[in-house]
Amino acid sequence: MTNAPEYPASHDLLKGKRVLVTASAGVGIGFATAKRCAEEGATVVLSDVHERRLREAADELDKISGAKPLAVPCDVTAEEEVQNLFDTAIKELGGLDVAVCNAGLGGTKKLVDMTDDEWHQVLDVTLTGTMRCNRAALRYMTEAGSGVIVNNASILGWRAQEGQAHYAAAKAGVMALTRTAAIEGAPHGVRVNAVAPSLAIHEFLTRVMSQDVLDELITKELFKRSAETWEVANVIVFLASDYASYMTGEVVSVSSQHP
């Protein structure tokens, strides 16, 4: 097994940028992204459906960065809440430079046993919720003439995995949404890209997948370990930064899986 590298130093890659991160409470990729954005000089807005965890995340980021971020509760399955999130962020920050659309819902269920409700629940959060956030961001950014959107997809949008029909279909949809949004945003100076992580184990993932399944997935990784959530966040930071100025419509795999 290859050990994880040391946590990276900051280089002000997002200095002066105003960044909104959805699903950013807790210990997952969302909070890791918010933390790395703050460390790279951004002013961050946190959002999550879980209000208590959202407050705790804001307090934690305050300790880390010395500035308590704006925290706005939002259920991405409700259009009025998504619009309120973006309206509030834009009003309080005076604009928005980056939107990281991270909200997603997983689970494991064989297709033959899956109910319509289980299918629709995952699709509504993971795909339609991402669409709502992209739509709100694009409406503002196209008028402003600049901006960056980074979506969180998954390698399951490319590769099959038993019990993941709903999640894989949703993440494949996020990839297609990313490419289409990029085409529509480009004439207005807006870039839209996505990351596609393979395996980044955190507390919430262990609640919806058994340890046996996670152990099996680790064996497929060339490094024989899960990615750290901040390793995924680093790629999101790169895509959000000016270093990725000529990239749009791309889905970047964050993976060490076998081909």
Protein backbone atom coordinates (compact mmCIF):
# COMPACT_ATOMS: atom_id res chain seq x y z
CA MET A 1 0.00 0.00 0.00
CA THR A 2 1.24 3.49 -0.85
CA ASN A 3 0.87 5.96 1.99
CA ALA A 4 -0.97 9.21 1.39
CA PRO A 5 1.34 12.17 0.70
CA GLU A 6 1.73 15.00 3.15
CA TYR A 7 -1.02 17.60 3.20
CA PRO A 8 -0.06 20.26 0.64
CA ALA A 9 0.98 23.80 1.41
CA SER A 10 -1.19 26.64 0.12
CA HIS A 11 -0.20 28.74 -2.88
CA ASP A 12 -3.01 31.33 -3.07
CA LEU A 13 -4.47 29.65 -6.16
CA LEU A 14 -7.89 31.12 -5.40
CA LYS A 15 -6.87 34.42 -3.85
CA GLY A 16 -9.71 36.91 -4.10
CA LYS A 17 -12.18 34.33 -5.48
CA ARG A 18 -15.71 33.96 -4.09
CA VAL A 19 -16.56 30.26 -3.93
CA LEU A 20 -19.81 28.48 -3.09
CA VAL A 21 -19.64 24.78 -2.17
CA THR A 22 -22.79 22.67 -1.87
CA ALA A 23 -22.99 19.64 0.44
CA SER A 24 -20.05 21.03 2.39
CA ALA A 25 -20.93 20.05 5.96
CA GLY A 26 -19.28 17.12 7.66
CA VAL A 27 -16.19 15.18 6.64
CA GLY A 28 -16.71 14.41 2.96
CA ILE A 29 -15.35 15.83 -0.28
CA GLY A 30 -17.51 18.95 0.11
CA PHE A 31 -15.97 20.07 3.39
CA ALA A 32 -12.49 19.12 2.21
CA THR A 33 -13.08 21.31 -0.85
CA ALA A 34 -14.35 24.24 1.21
CA LYS A 35 -11.31 23.93 3.48
CA ARG A 36 -8.83 23.78 0.60
CA CYS A 37 -10.52 26.73 -1.13
CA ALA A 38 -10.26 28.80 2.04
CA GLU A 39 -6.62 27.80 2.47
CA GLU A 40 -5.98 28.87 -1.12
CA GLY A 41 -7.27 32.37 -0.39
CA ALA A 42 -10.94 32.15 -1.37
CA THR A 43 -13.92 33.59 0.45
CA VAL A 44 -16.12 30.54 0.92
CA VAL A 45 -19.87 30.02 1.24
CA LEU A 46 -20.91 26.73 2.79
CA SER A 47 -24.22 25.06 2.04
CA ASP A 48 -25.83 21.80 3.11
CA VAL A 49 -29.23 20.30 3.83
CA HIS A 50 -28.13 19.38 7.38
CA GLU A 51 -28.32 22.63 9.35
CA ARG A 52 -26.61 21.45 12.54
CA ARG A 53 -23.68 19.93 10.67
CA LEU A 54 -23.53 23.06 8.53
CA ARG A 55 -23.11 25.25 11.63
CA GLU A 56 -20.45 22.89 12.95
CA ALA A 57 -18.62 22.99 9.61
CA ALA A 58 -18.68 26.79 9.63
CA ASP A 59 -17.24 26.80 13.16
CA GLU A 60 -14.53 24.34 12.12
CA LEU A 61 -13.56 26.43 9.11
CA ASP A 62 -13.46 29.50 11.35
CA LYS A 63 -10.86 27.74 13.53
CA ILE A 64 -8.82 26.73 10.48
CA SER A 65 -8.89 29.91 8.43
CA GLY A 66 -9.68 32.55 11.04
CA ALA A 67 -12.77 33.71 9.18
CA LYS A 68 -16.22 32.23 9.71
CA PRO A 69 -17.80 31.53 6.33
CA LEU A 70 -21.33 32.35 5.30
CA ALA A 71 -23.40 29.19 5.79
CA VAL A 72 -26.73 28.83 3.99
CA PRO A 73 -28.96 25.77 4.45
CA CYS A 74 -30.17 24.35 1.14
CA ASP A 75 -31.98 21.26 -0.07
CA VAL A 76 -30.96 20.94 -3.73
CA THR A 77 -34.20 19.09 -4.52
CA ALA A 78 -36.12 22.34 -3.87
CA GLU A 79 -35.74 25.00 -6.57
CA GLU A 80 -36.71 27.85 -4.24
CA GLU A 81 -33.97 26.86 -1.78
CA VAL A 82 -31.35 26.65 -4.53
CA GLN A 83 -32.34 30.10 -5.79
CA ASN A 84 -32.21 31.49 -2.25
CA LEU A 85 -28.74 30.00 -1.80
CA PHE A 86 -27.33 31.69 -4.89
CA ASP A 87 -29.19 34.96 -4.28
CA THR A 88 -27.88 35.10 -0.70
CA ALA A 89 -24.30 34.24 -1.66
CA ILE A 90 -24.23 36.81 -4.46
CA LYS A 91 -25.78 39.51 -2.29
CA GLU A 92 -23.53 38.91 0.73
CA LEU A 93 -20.29 38.48 -1.25
CA GLY A 94 -21.05 41.03 -3.96
CA GLY A 95 -20.81 38.35 -6.64
CA LEU A 96 -19.76 34.77 -7.24
CA ASP A 97 -16.70 33.45 -9.08
CA VAL A 98 -16.90 29.69 -8.50
CA ALA A 99 -19.70 27.22 -7.80
CA VAL A 100 -18.73 23.72 -6.70
CA CYS A 101 -21.79 21.50 -7.16
CA ASN A 102 -21.07 18.59 -4.86
CA ALA A 103 -24.45 17.38 -3.57
CA GLY A 104 -25.13 13.72 -4.22
CA LEU A 105 -26.92 10.73 -2.74
CA GLY A 106 -25.83 7.11 -3.02
CA GLY A 107 -26.87 3.71 -1.80
CA THR A 108 -26.58 0.08 -2.80
CA LYS A 109 -29.51 -1.82 -4.29
CA LYS A 110 -29.74 -4.32 -7.12
CA LEU A 111 -31.81 -3.04 -10.00
CA VAL A 112 -34.29 -5.92 -9.78
CA ASP A 113 -35.04 -4.96 -6.16
CA MET A 114 -35.00 -1.17 -6.64
CA THR A 115 -38.26 0.75 -6.27
CA ASP A 116 -39.22 3.76 -8.34
CA ASP A 117 -38.96 5.91 -5.21
CA GLU A 118 -35.40 4.74 -4.53
CA TRP A 119 -34.45 5.47 -8.14
CA HIS A 120 -36.04 8.91 -8.16
CA GLN A 121 -34.57 9.90 -4.78
CA VAL A 122 -31.00 9.36 -5.98
CA LEU A 123 -31.62 10.97 -9.36
CA ASP A 124 -33.35 14.01 -7.82
CA VAL A 125 -30.45 14.83 -5.50
CA THR A 126 -27.48 13.71 -7.58
CA LEU A 127 -28.51 14.73 -11.10
CA THR A 128 -31.47 17.09 -10.92
CA GLY A 129 -30.01 18.86 -7.87
CA THR A 130 -26.76 19.38 -9.76
CA MET A 131 -28.75 20.71 -12.72
CA ARG A 132 -30.56 23.21 -10.48
CA CYS A 133 -27.25 24.49 -9.10
CA ASN A 134 -25.67 24.68 -12.57
CA ARG A 135 -28.69 26.55 -13.87
CA ALA A 136 -28.60 29.09 -11.05
CA ALA A 137 -24.85 29.58 -11.43
CA LEU A 138 -25.05 29.94 -15.21
CA ARG A 139 -27.84 32.50 -15.01
CA TYR A 140 -25.64 34.75 -12.88
CA MET A 141 -22.26 34.00 -14.47
CA THR A 142 -23.34 34.37 -18.10
CA GLU A 143 -24.67 37.82 -17.30
CA ALA A 144 -21.52 38.68 -15.34
CA GLY A 145 -19.33 37.49 -18.22
CA SER A 146 -17.15 35.14 -16.20
CA GLY A 147 -17.25 32.29 -13.72
CA VAL A 148 -16.37 28.68 -13.06
CA ILE A 149 -18.55 25.68 -12.24
CA VAL A 150 -17.06 22.42 -11.00
CA ASN A 151 -19.37 19.41 -10.70
CA ASN A 152 -18.72 16.24 -8.73
CA ALA A 153 -19.29 13.19 -10.93
CA SER A 154 -17.87 9.69 -10.39
CA ILE A 155 -15.99 7.06 -12.33
CA LEU A 156 -19.19 5.03 -12.02
CA GLY A 157 -20.50 7.28 -14.75
CA TRP A 158 -18.08 5.36 -16.99
CA ARG A 159 -17.73 1.99 -15.27
CA ALA A 160 -20.27 -0.49 -13.97
CA GLN A 161 -20.62 -1.57 -10.35
CA GLU A 162 -23.20 -3.95 -8.96
CA GLY A 163 -25.96 -2.30 -6.97
CA GLN A 164 -25.22 1.18 -8.30
CA ALA A 165 -27.61 1.54 -11.26
CA HIS A 166 -29.29 4.68 -9.90
CA TYR A 167 -26.07 6.35 -8.76
CA ALA A 168 -24.14 5.43 -11.92
CA ALA A 169 -26.95 6.70 -14.15
CA ALA A 170 -27.07 9.96 -12.18
CA LYS A 171 -23.32 10.50 -12.36
CA ALA A 172 -23.25 9.73 -16.09
CA GLY A 173 -25.93 12.39 -16.38
CA VAL A 174 -23.73 14.84 -14.44
CA MET A 175 -20.98 14.24 -16.99
CA ALA A 176 -23.34 14.95 -19.91
CA LEU A 177 -24.74 17.99 -18.09
CA THR A 178 -21.21 19.29 -17.58
CA ARG A 179 -20.36 19.07 -21.27
CA THR A 180 -23.60 20.73 -22.35
CA ALA A 181 -23.35 23.51 -19.76
CA ALA A 182 -19.78 24.13 -20.93
CA ILE A 183 -20.97 24.66 -24.51
CA GLU A 184 -23.61 27.13 -23.36
CA GLY A 185 -21.30 28.93 -20.95
CA ALA A 186 -18.25 29.32 -23.17
CA PRO A 187 -19.51 32.30 -25.23
CA HIS A 188 -20.01 34.16 -21.94
CA GLY A 189 -16.61 33.40 -20.41
CA VAL A 190 -17.91 30.66 -18.12
CA ARG A 191 -16.00 27.40 -17.70
CA VAL A 192 -17.73 24.17 -16.59
CA ASN A 193 -15.78 21.03 -15.67
CA ALA A 194 -16.21 18.01 -13.42
CA VAL A 195 -14.16 15.63 -11.31
CA ALA A 196 -14.82 11.89 -11.34
CA PRO A 197 -13.40 10.32 -8.16
CA SER A 198 -13.05 6.57 -7.83
CA LEU A 199 -12.87 5.99 -4.09
CA ALA A 200 -12.53 8.58 -1.33
CA ILE A 201 -13.65 6.93 1.89
CA HIS A 202 -15.20 9.13 4.57
CA GLU A 203 -17.73 8.77 7.35
CA PHE A 204 -20.83 9.25 5.20
CA LEU A 205 -19.69 6.72 2.60
CA THR A 206 -19.24 4.04 5.25
CA ARG A 207 -22.89 4.49 6.20
CA VAL A 208 -24.17 3.47 2.76
CA MET A 209 -21.55 0.86 1.76
CA SER A 210 -20.40 -2.16 3.73
CA GLN A 211 -16.79 -2.51 4.82
CA ASP A 212 -16.46 -5.66 2.72
CA VAL A 213 -17.43 -3.73 -0.42
CA LEU A 214 -15.08 -0.87 0.43
CA ASP A 215 -12.22 -3.31 1.06
CA GLU A 216 -12.87 -4.92 -2.33
CA LEU A 217 -12.86 -1.53 -4.05
CA ILE A 218 -9.53 -0.66 -2.41
CA THR A 219 -7.97 -3.75 -4.01
CA LYS A 220 -8.79 -2.26 -7.44
CA GLU A 221 -6.79 0.87 -6.73
CA LEU A 222 -3.17 0.80 -7.88
CA PHE A 223 -2.09 2.62 -4.71
CA LYS A 224 -4.02 0.05 -2.63
CA ARG A 225 -5.63 2.80 -0.61
CA SER A 226 -8.56 5.14 -0.82
CA ALA A 227 -7.96 8.70 -1.90
CA GLU A 228 -7.97 11.25 0.86
CA THR A 229 -10.91 13.61 0.44
CA TRP A 230 -8.46 16.51 0.17
CA GLU A 231 -6.77 14.81 -2.78
CA VAL A 232 -10.04 15.08 -4.68
CA ALA A 233 -10.45 18.64 -3.38
CA ASN A 234 -7.03 19.55 -4.79
CA VAL A 235 -8.20 18.73 -8.31
CA ILE A 236 -11.38 20.75 -7.75
CA VAL A 237 -9.24 23.69 -6.62
CA PHE A 238 -7.12 23.37 -9.78
CA LEU A 239 -10.20 23.35 -12.03
CA ALA A 240 -11.57 26.37 -10.17
CA SER A 241 -8.31 28.27 -10.52
CA ASP A 242 -6.86 30.32 -13.36
CA TYR A 243 -4.39 27.49 -13.98
CA ALA A 244 -7.24 25.66 -15.73
CA SER A 245 -8.21 28.69 -17.85
CA TYR A 246 -8.33 26.73 -21.13
CA MET A 247 -10.27 23.77 -19.75
CA THR A 248 -14.02 23.47 -20.14
CA GLY A 249 -16.38 20.58 -20.74
CA GLU A 250 -13.85 18.16 -19.26
CA VAL A 251 -14.41 15.34 -16.77
CA VAL A 252 -11.18 14.71 -14.87
CA SER A 253 -10.76 11.30 -13.30
CA VAL A 254 -9.33 11.36 -9.77
CA SER A 255 -8.51 7.69 -9.60
CA SER A 256 -5.78 5.07 -9.37
CA GLN A 257 -7.99 2.21 -10.53
CA HIS A 258 -6.83 -0.41 -12.99
CA PRO A 259 -7.87 0.36 -16.60
